mmCIF file of all heavy atoms, coordinates in Angstrom:
data_MODEL
# 
_entry.id   MODEL 
# 
loop_
_atom_site.group_PDB 
_atom_site.id 
_atom_site.type_symbol 
_atom_site.label_atom_id 
_atom_site.label_alt_id 
_atom_site.label_comp_id 
_atom_site.label_asym_id 
_atom_site.label_entity_id 
_atom_site.label_seq_id 
_atom_site.pdbx_PDB_ins_code 
_atom_site.Cartn_x 
_atom_site.Cartn_y 
_atom_site.Cartn_z 
_atom_site.occupancy 
_atom_site.B_iso_or_equiv 
_atom_site.pdbx_formal_charge 
_atom_site.auth_seq_id 
_atom_site.auth_comp_id 
_atom_site.auth_asym_id 
_atom_site.auth_atom_id 
_atom_site.pdbx_PDB_model_num 
ATOM 1   N N   . LEU A 1 1  ? 0.832   -1.207 0.000  1.00 0.00 ? 1  LEU A N   1 
ATOM 2   C CA  . LEU A 1 1  ? 0.000   0.000  0.000  1.00 0.00 ? 1  LEU A CA  1 
ATOM 3   C C   . LEU A 1 1  ? 0.866   1.256  0.000  1.00 0.00 ? 1  LEU A C   1 
ATOM 4   O O   . LEU A 1 1  ? 2.068   1.225  0.302  1.00 0.00 ? 1  LEU A O   1 
ATOM 5   C CB  . LEU A 1 1  ? -0.955  -0.006 1.188  1.00 0.00 ? 1  LEU A CB  1 
ATOM 6   C CG  . LEU A 1 1  ? -0.410  -0.040 2.624  1.00 0.00 ? 1  LEU A CG  1 
ATOM 7   C CD1 . LEU A 1 1  ? 0.096   1.311  3.117  1.00 0.00 ? 1  LEU A CD1 1 
ATOM 8   C CD2 . LEU A 1 1  ? -1.465  -0.568 3.580  1.00 0.00 ? 1  LEU A CD2 1 
ATOM 9   N N   . ASN A 1 2  ? 0.261   2.380  -0.340 1.00 0.00 ? 2  ASN A N   1 
ATOM 10  C CA  . ASN A 1 2  ? 0.952   3.666  -0.335 1.00 0.00 ? 2  ASN A CA  1 
ATOM 11  C C   . ASN A 1 2  ? 1.134   4.140  1.107  1.00 0.00 ? 2  ASN A C   1 
ATOM 12  O O   . ASN A 1 2  ? 0.195   4.099  1.898  1.00 0.00 ? 2  ASN A O   1 
ATOM 13  C CB  . ASN A 1 2  ? 0.139   4.700  -1.120 1.00 0.00 ? 2  ASN A CB  1 
ATOM 14  C CG  . ASN A 1 2  ? -0.119  4.264  -2.549 1.00 0.00 ? 2  ASN A CG  1 
ATOM 15  O OD1 . ASN A 1 2  ? 0.763   4.341  -3.397 1.00 0.00 ? 2  ASN A OD1 1 
ATOM 16  N ND2 . ASN A 1 2  ? -1.324  3.779  -2.822 1.00 0.00 ? 2  ASN A ND2 1 
ATOM 17  N N   . PHE A 1 3  ? 2.317   4.616  1.437  1.00 0.00 ? 3  PHE A N   1 
ATOM 18  C CA  . PHE A 1 3  ? 2.625   4.922  2.841  1.00 0.00 ? 3  PHE A CA  1 
ATOM 19  C C   . PHE A 1 3  ? 3.353   6.261  2.955  1.00 0.00 ? 3  PHE A C   1 
ATOM 20  O O   . PHE A 1 3  ? 4.224   6.579  2.142  1.00 0.00 ? 3  PHE A O   1 
ATOM 21  C CB  . PHE A 1 3  ? 3.496   3.808  3.423  1.00 0.00 ? 3  PHE A CB  1 
ATOM 22  C CG  . PHE A 1 3  ? 3.882   4.016  4.863  1.00 0.00 ? 3  PHE A CG  1 
ATOM 23  C CD1 . PHE A 1 3  ? 2.929   3.973  5.870  1.00 0.00 ? 3  PHE A CD1 1 
ATOM 24  C CD2 . PHE A 1 3  ? 5.206   4.236  5.208  1.00 0.00 ? 3  PHE A CD2 1 
ATOM 25  C CE1 . PHE A 1 3  ? 3.281   4.154  7.205  1.00 0.00 ? 3  PHE A CE1 1 
ATOM 26  C CE2 . PHE A 1 3  ? 5.573   4.411  6.540  1.00 0.00 ? 3  PHE A CE2 1 
ATOM 27  C CZ  . PHE A 1 3  ? 4.608   4.365  7.530  1.00 0.00 ? 3  PHE A CZ  1 
ATOM 28  N N   . ARG A 1 4  ? 2.967   6.999  3.972  1.00 0.00 ? 4  ARG A N   1 
ATOM 29  C CA  . ARG A 1 4  ? 3.670   8.241  4.306  1.00 0.00 ? 4  ARG A CA  1 
ATOM 30  C C   . ARG A 1 4  ? 3.648   8.439  5.811  1.00 0.00 ? 4  ARG A C   1 
ATOM 31  O O   . ARG A 1 4  ? 2.822   7.857  6.512  1.00 0.00 ? 4  ARG A O   1 
ATOM 32  C CB  . ARG A 1 4  ? 3.041   9.439  3.592  1.00 0.00 ? 4  ARG A CB  1 
ATOM 33  C CG  . ARG A 1 4  ? 1.720   9.893  4.177  1.00 0.00 ? 4  ARG A CG  1 
ATOM 34  C CD  . ARG A 1 4  ? 1.051   10.967 3.358  1.00 0.00 ? 4  ARG A CD  1 
ATOM 35  N NE  . ARG A 1 4  ? 0.159   10.393 2.367  1.00 0.00 ? 4  ARG A NE  1 
ATOM 36  C CZ  . ARG A 1 4  ? -0.641  11.103 1.563  1.00 0.00 ? 4  ARG A CZ  1 
ATOM 37  N NH1 . ARG A 1 4  ? -0.646  12.421 1.651  1.00 0.00 ? 4  ARG A NH1 1 
ATOM 38  N NH2 . ARG A 1 4  ? -1.422  10.512 0.703  1.00 0.00 ? 4  ARG A NH2 1 
ATOM 39  N N   . THR A 1 5  ? 4.526   9.278  6.284  1.00 0.00 ? 5  THR A N   1 
ATOM 40  C CA  . THR A 1 5  ? 4.592   9.612  7.714  1.00 0.00 ? 5  THR A CA  1 
ATOM 41  C C   . THR A 1 5  ? 4.361   11.111 7.882  1.00 0.00 ? 5  THR A C   1 
ATOM 42  O O   . THR A 1 5  ? 5.012   11.924 7.215  1.00 0.00 ? 5  THR A O   1 
ATOM 43  C CB  . THR A 1 5  ? 5.950   9.222  8.319  1.00 0.00 ? 5  THR A CB  1 
ATOM 44  O OG1 . THR A 1 5  ? 6.143   7.818  8.152  1.00 0.00 ? 5  THR A OG1 1 
ATOM 45  C CG2 . THR A 1 5  ? 6.004   9.556  9.805  1.00 0.00 ? 5  THR A CG2 1 
ATOM 46  N N   . VAL A 1 6  ? 3.431   11.463 8.762  1.00 0.00 ? 6  VAL A N   1 
ATOM 47  C CA  . VAL A 1 6  ? 3.141   12.872 9.084  1.00 0.00 ? 6  VAL A CA  1 
ATOM 48  C C   . VAL A 1 6  ? 3.217   13.024 10.600 1.00 0.00 ? 6  VAL A C   1 
ATOM 49  O O   . VAL A 1 6  ? 2.243   12.730 11.299 1.00 0.00 ? 6  VAL A O   1 
ATOM 50  C CB  . VAL A 1 6  ? 1.749   13.297 8.575  1.00 0.00 ? 6  VAL A CB  1 
ATOM 51  C CG1 . VAL A 1 6  ? 1.479   14.758 8.930  1.00 0.00 ? 6  VAL A CG1 1 
ATOM 52  C CG2 . VAL A 1 6  ? 1.611   13.067 7.075  1.00 0.00 ? 6  VAL A CG2 1 
ATOM 53  N N   . PRO A 1 7  ? 4.342   13.424 11.147 1.00 0.00 ? 7  PRO A N   1 
ATOM 54  C CA  . PRO A 1 7  ? 4.441   13.588 12.605 1.00 0.00 ? 7  PRO A CA  1 
ATOM 55  C C   . PRO A 1 7  ? 3.466   14.661 13.104 1.00 0.00 ? 7  PRO A C   1 
ATOM 56  O O   . PRO A 1 7  ? 3.293   15.706 12.459 1.00 0.00 ? 7  PRO A O   1 
ATOM 57  C CB  . PRO A 1 7  ? 5.886   14.026 12.814 1.00 0.00 ? 7  PRO A CB  1 
ATOM 58  C CG  . PRO A 1 7  ? 6.610   13.598 11.573 1.00 0.00 ? 7  PRO A CG  1 
ATOM 59  C CD  . PRO A 1 7  ? 5.611   13.724 10.472 1.00 0.00 ? 7  PRO A CD  1 
ATOM 60  N N   . ILE A 1 8  ? 2.842   14.402 14.231 1.00 0.00 ? 8  ILE A N   1 
ATOM 61  C CA  . ILE A 1 8  ? 1.900   15.384 14.780 1.00 0.00 ? 8  ILE A CA  1 
ATOM 62  C C   . ILE A 1 8  ? 2.525   16.205 15.898 1.00 0.00 ? 8  ILE A C   1 
ATOM 63  O O   . ILE A 1 8  ? 1.842   17.052 16.494 1.00 0.00 ? 8  ILE A O   1 
ATOM 64  C CB  . ILE A 1 8  ? 0.620   14.702 15.290 1.00 0.00 ? 8  ILE A CB  1 
ATOM 65  C CG1 . ILE A 1 8  ? 0.917   13.760 16.472 1.00 0.00 ? 8  ILE A CG1 1 
ATOM 66  C CG2 . ILE A 1 8  ? -0.100  13.968 14.174 1.00 0.00 ? 8  ILE A CG2 1 
ATOM 67  C CD1 . ILE A 1 8  ? -0.334  13.302 17.216 1.00 0.00 ? 8  ILE A CD1 1 
ATOM 68  N N   . VAL A 1 9  ? 3.813   15.991 16.196 1.00 0.00 ? 9  VAL A N   1 
ATOM 69  C CA  . VAL A 1 9  ? 4.455   16.694 17.309 1.00 0.00 ? 9  VAL A CA  1 
ATOM 70  C C   . VAL A 1 9  ? 4.377   18.210 17.150 1.00 0.00 ? 9  VAL A C   1 
ATOM 71  O O   . VAL A 1 9  ? 4.002   18.918 18.102 1.00 0.00 ? 9  VAL A O   1 
ATOM 72  C CB  . VAL A 1 9  ? 5.914   16.224 17.479 1.00 0.00 ? 9  VAL A CB  1 
ATOM 73  C CG1 . VAL A 1 9  ? 6.623   17.062 18.555 1.00 0.00 ? 9  VAL A CG1 1 
ATOM 74  C CG2 . VAL A 1 9  ? 5.960   14.745 17.833 1.00 0.00 ? 9  VAL A CG2 1 
ATOM 75  N N   . PRO A 1 10 ? 4.702   18.793 15.981 1.00 0.00 ? 10 PRO A N   1 
ATOM 76  C CA  . PRO A 1 10 ? 4.598   20.255 15.870 1.00 0.00 ? 10 PRO A CA  1 
ATOM 77  C C   . PRO A 1 10 ? 3.177   20.766 16.108 1.00 0.00 ? 10 PRO A C   1 
ATOM 78  O O   . PRO A 1 10 ? 2.986   21.795 16.782 1.00 0.00 ? 10 PRO A O   1 
ATOM 79  C CB  . PRO A 1 10 ? 5.053   20.537 14.433 1.00 0.00 ? 10 PRO A CB  1 
ATOM 80  C CG  . PRO A 1 10 ? 5.891   19.364 14.059 1.00 0.00 ? 10 PRO A CG  1 
ATOM 81  C CD  . PRO A 1 10 ? 5.267   18.199 14.746 1.00 0.00 ? 10 PRO A CD  1 
ATOM 82  N N   . MET A 1 11 ? 2.178   20.077 15.571 1.00 0.00 ? 11 MET A N   1 
ATOM 83  C CA  . MET A 1 11 ? 0.786   20.492 15.775 1.00 0.00 ? 11 MET A CA  1 
ATOM 84  C C   . MET A 1 11 ? 0.385   20.349 17.240 1.00 0.00 ? 11 MET A C   1 
ATOM 85  O O   . MET A 1 11 ? -0.329  21.193 17.794 1.00 0.00 ? 11 MET A O   1 
ATOM 86  C CB  . MET A 1 11 ? -0.143  19.646 14.889 1.00 0.00 ? 11 MET A CB  1 
ATOM 87  C CG  . MET A 1 11 ? 0.001   19.897 13.404 1.00 0.00 ? 11 MET A CG  1 
ATOM 88  S SD  . MET A 1 11 ? -1.050  18.789 12.418 1.00 0.00 ? 11 MET A SD  1 
ATOM 89  C CE  . MET A 1 11 ? 0.045   17.394 12.214 1.00 0.00 ? 11 MET A CE  1 
ATOM 90  N N   . PHE A 1 12 ? 0.877   19.285 17.868 1.00 0.00 ? 12 PHE A N   1 
ATOM 91  C CA  . PHE A 1 12 ? 0.567   19.040 19.279 1.00 0.00 ? 12 PHE A CA  1 
ATOM 92  C C   . PHE A 1 12 ? 1.182   20.133 20.154 1.00 0.00 ? 12 PHE A C   1 
ATOM 93  O O   . PHE A 1 12 ? 0.505   20.686 21.042 1.00 0.00 ? 12 PHE A O   1 
ATOM 94  C CB  . PHE A 1 12 ? 1.103   17.663 19.683 1.00 0.00 ? 12 PHE A CB  1 
ATOM 95  C CG  . PHE A 1 12 ? 0.895   17.320 21.121 1.00 0.00 ? 12 PHE A CG  1 
ATOM 96  C CD1 . PHE A 1 12 ? -0.347  16.913 21.585 1.00 0.00 ? 12 PHE A CD1 1 
ATOM 97  C CD2 . PHE A 1 12 ? 1.943   17.406 22.030 1.00 0.00 ? 12 PHE A CD2 1 
ATOM 98  C CE1 . PHE A 1 12 ? -0.545  16.581 22.918 1.00 0.00 ? 12 PHE A CE1 1 
ATOM 99  C CE2 . PHE A 1 12 ? 1.757   17.093 23.364 1.00 0.00 ? 12 PHE A CE2 1 
ATOM 100 C CZ  . PHE A 1 12 ? 0.512   16.681 23.813 1.00 0.00 ? 12 PHE A CZ  1 
ATOM 101 N N   . ASP A 1 13 ? 2.426   20.441 19.900 1.00 0.00 ? 13 ASP A N   1 
ATOM 102 C CA  . ASP A 1 13 ? 3.089   21.473 20.711 1.00 0.00 ? 13 ASP A CA  1 
ATOM 103 C C   . ASP A 1 13 ? 2.396   22.822 20.548 1.00 0.00 ? 13 ASP A C   1 
ATOM 104 O O   . ASP A 1 13 ? 2.222   23.568 21.532 1.00 0.00 ? 13 ASP A O   1 
ATOM 105 C CB  . ASP A 1 13 ? 4.564   21.582 20.308 1.00 0.00 ? 13 ASP A CB  1 
ATOM 106 C CG  . ASP A 1 13 ? 5.377   20.369 20.744 1.00 0.00 ? 13 ASP A CG  1 
ATOM 107 O OD1 . ASP A 1 13 ? 4.893   19.619 21.618 1.00 0.00 ? 13 ASP A OD1 1 
ATOM 108 O OD2 . ASP A 1 13 ? 6.489   20.177 20.206 1.00 0.00 ? 13 ASP A OD2 1 
ATOM 109 N N   . ALA A 1 14 ? 2.010   23.157 19.322 1.00 0.00 ? 14 ALA A N   1 
ATOM 110 C CA  . ALA A 1 14 ? 1.329   24.435 19.096 1.00 0.00 ? 14 ALA A CA  1 
ATOM 111 C C   . ALA A 1 14 ? -0.012  24.467 19.822 1.00 0.00 ? 14 ALA A C   1 
ATOM 112 O O   . ALA A 1 14 ? -0.376  25.483 20.444 1.00 0.00 ? 14 ALA A O   1 
ATOM 113 C CB  . ALA A 1 14 ? 1.125   24.657 17.601 1.00 0.00 ? 14 ALA A CB  1 
ATOM 114 N N   . SER A 1 15 ? -0.736  23.380 19.792 1.00 0.00 ? 15 SER A N   1 
ATOM 115 C CA  . SER A 1 15 ? -2.037  23.330 20.464 1.00 0.00 ? 15 SER A CA  1 
ATOM 116 C C   . SER A 1 15 ? -1.880  23.381 21.976 1.00 0.00 ? 15 SER A C   1 
ATOM 117 O O   . SER A 1 15 ? -2.661  24.047 22.668 1.00 0.00 ? 15 SER A O   1 
ATOM 118 C CB  . SER A 1 15 ? -2.776  22.048 20.061 1.00 0.00 ? 15 SER A CB  1 
ATOM 119 O OG  . SER A 1 15 ? -3.019  22.016 18.672 1.00 0.00 ? 15 SER A OG  1 
ATOM 120 N N   . MET A 1 16 ? -0.896  22.669 22.485 1.00 0.00 ? 16 MET A N   1 
ATOM 121 C CA  . MET A 1 16 ? -0.654  22.688 23.931 1.00 0.00 ? 16 MET A CA  1 
ATOM 122 C C   . MET A 1 16 ? -0.248  24.083 24.392 1.00 0.00 ? 16 MET A C   1 
ATOM 123 O O   . MET A 1 16 ? -0.668  24.559 25.463 1.00 0.00 ? 16 MET A O   1 
ATOM 124 C CB  . MET A 1 16 ? 0.421   21.676 24.293 1.00 0.00 ? 16 MET A CB  1 
ATOM 125 C CG  . MET A 1 16 ? -0.029  20.226 24.190 1.00 0.00 ? 16 MET A CG  1 
ATOM 126 S SD  . MET A 1 16 ? -1.326  19.810 25.380 1.00 0.00 ? 16 MET A SD  1 
ATOM 127 C CE  . MET A 1 16 ? -0.410  19.956 26.919 1.00 0.00 ? 16 MET A CE  1 
ATOM 128 N N   . GLY A 1 17 ? 0.556   24.756 23.562 1.00 0.00 ? 17 GLY A N   1 
ATOM 129 C CA  . GLY A 1 17 ? 0.955   26.114 23.918 1.00 0.00 ? 17 GLY A CA  1 
ATOM 130 C C   . GLY A 1 17 ? -0.224  27.065 23.942 1.00 0.00 ? 17 GLY A C   1 
ATOM 131 O O   . GLY A 1 17 ? -0.290  27.974 24.774 1.00 0.00 ? 17 GLY A O   1 
ATOM 132 N N   . ALA A 1 18 ? -1.177  26.857 23.055 1.00 0.00 ? 18 ALA A N   1 
ATOM 133 C CA  . ALA A 1 18 ? -2.336  27.743 22.993 1.00 0.00 ? 18 ALA A CA  1 
ATOM 134 C C   . ALA A 1 18 ? -3.397  27.394 24.031 1.00 0.00 ? 18 ALA A C   1 
ATOM 135 O O   . ALA A 1 18 ? -4.088  28.286 24.543 1.00 0.00 ? 18 ALA A O   1 
ATOM 136 C CB  . ALA A 1 18 ? -2.953  27.681 21.596 1.00 0.00 ? 18 ALA A CB  1 
ATOM 137 N N   . LEU A 1 19 ? -3.509  26.105 24.397 1.00 0.00 ? 19 LEU A N   1 
ATOM 138 C CA  . LEU A 1 19 ? -4.620  25.661 25.235 1.00 0.00 ? 19 LEU A CA  1 
ATOM 139 C C   . LEU A 1 19 ? -4.208  25.221 26.635 1.00 0.00 ? 19 LEU A C   1 
ATOM 140 O O   . LEU A 1 19 ? -5.036  25.201 27.548 1.00 0.00 ? 19 LEU A O   1 
ATOM 141 C CB  . LEU A 1 19 ? -5.358  24.500 24.546 1.00 0.00 ? 19 LEU A CB  1 
ATOM 142 C CG  . LEU A 1 19 ? -5.968  24.819 23.181 1.00 0.00 ? 19 LEU A CG  1 
ATOM 143 C CD1 . LEU A 1 19 ? -6.490  23.551 22.513 1.00 0.00 ? 19 LEU A CD1 1 
ATOM 144 C CD2 . LEU A 1 19 ? -7.089  25.843 23.325 1.00 0.00 ? 19 LEU A CD2 1 
ATOM 145 N N   . GLY A 1 20 ? -2.955  24.816 26.803 1.00 0.00 ? 20 GLY A N   1 
ATOM 146 C CA  . GLY A 1 20 ? -2.498  24.402 28.125 1.00 0.00 ? 20 GLY A CA  1 
ATOM 147 C C   . GLY A 1 20 ? -3.256  23.208 28.680 1.00 0.00 ? 20 GLY A C   1 
ATOM 148 O O   . GLY A 1 20 ? -3.664  23.208 29.847 1.00 0.00 ? 20 GLY A O   1 
ATOM 149 N N   . LEU A 1 21 ? -3.447  22.173 27.888 1.00 0.00 ? 21 LEU A N   1 
ATOM 150 C CA  . LEU A 1 21 ? -4.254  21.028 28.301 1.00 0.00 ? 21 LEU A CA  1 
ATOM 151 C C   . LEU A 1 21 ? -3.457  20.084 29.191 1.00 0.00 ? 21 LEU A C   1 
ATOM 152 O O   . LEU A 1 21 ? -2.222  20.032 29.135 1.00 0.00 ? 21 LEU A O   1 
ATOM 153 C CB  . LEU A 1 21 ? -4.748  20.262 27.072 1.00 0.00 ? 21 LEU A CB  1 
ATOM 154 C CG  . LEU A 1 21 ? -5.528  21.071 26.041 1.00 0.00 ? 21 LEU A CG  1 
ATOM 155 C CD1 . LEU A 1 21 ? -5.871  20.206 24.836 1.00 0.00 ? 21 LEU A CD1 1 
ATOM 156 C CD2 . LEU A 1 21 ? -6.788  21.647 26.655 1.00 0.00 ? 21 LEU A CD2 1 
ATOM 157 N N   . THR A 1 22 ? -4.187  19.298 29.987 1.00 0.00 ? 22 THR A N   1 
ATOM 158 C CA  . THR A 1 22 ? -3.573  18.279 30.836 1.00 0.00 ? 22 THR A CA  1 
ATOM 159 C C   . THR A 1 22 ? -4.445  17.021 30.834 1.00 0.00 ? 22 THR A C   1 
ATOM 160 O O   . THR A 1 22 ? -5.599  17.050 30.398 1.00 0.00 ? 22 THR A O   1 
ATOM 161 C CB  . THR A 1 22 ? -3.429  18.762 32.295 1.00 0.00 ? 22 THR A CB  1 
ATOM 162 O OG1 . THR A 1 22 ? -4.735  19.064 32.808 1.00 0.00 ? 22 THR A OG1 1 
ATOM 163 C CG2 . THR A 1 22 ? -2.536  19.991 32.396 1.00 0.00 ? 22 THR A CG2 1 
ATOM 164 N N   . GLY A 1 23 ? -3.881  15.929 31.338 1.00 0.00 ? 23 GLY A N   1 
ATOM 165 C CA  . GLY A 1 23 ? -4.658  14.713 31.575 1.00 0.00 ? 23 GLY A CA  1 
ATOM 166 C C   . GLY A 1 23 ? -5.310  14.153 30.319 1.00 0.00 ? 23 GLY A C   1 
ATOM 167 O O   . GLY A 1 23 ? -4.700  14.085 29.248 1.00 0.00 ? 23 GLY A O   1 
ATOM 168 N N   . LEU A 1 24 ? -6.578  13.756 30.472 1.00 0.00 ? 24 LEU A N   1 
ATOM 169 C CA  . LEU A 1 24 ? -7.301  13.105 29.378 1.00 0.00 ? 24 LEU A CA  1 
ATOM 170 C C   . LEU A 1 24 ? -7.451  14.029 28.179 1.00 0.00 ? 24 LEU A C   1 
ATOM 171 O O   . LEU A 1 24 ? -7.400  13.584 27.031 1.00 0.00 ? 24 LEU A O   1 
ATOM 172 C CB  . LEU A 1 24 ? -8.677  12.645 29.871 1.00 0.00 ? 24 LEU A CB  1 
ATOM 173 C CG  . LEU A 1 24 ? -9.492  11.777 28.911 1.00 0.00 ? 24 LEU A CG  1 
ATOM 174 C CD1 . LEU A 1 24 ? -8.744  10.491 28.585 1.00 0.00 ? 24 LEU A CD1 1 
ATOM 175 C CD2 . LEU A 1 24 ? -10.863 11.470 29.513 1.00 0.00 ? 24 LEU A CD2 1 
# 
């Protein structure tokens, strides 16, 4: 099958910086 990798770390860090989420 066709395969690619898209890391979500940059998107996660940006969201955490904007929202300050914890836990679940």
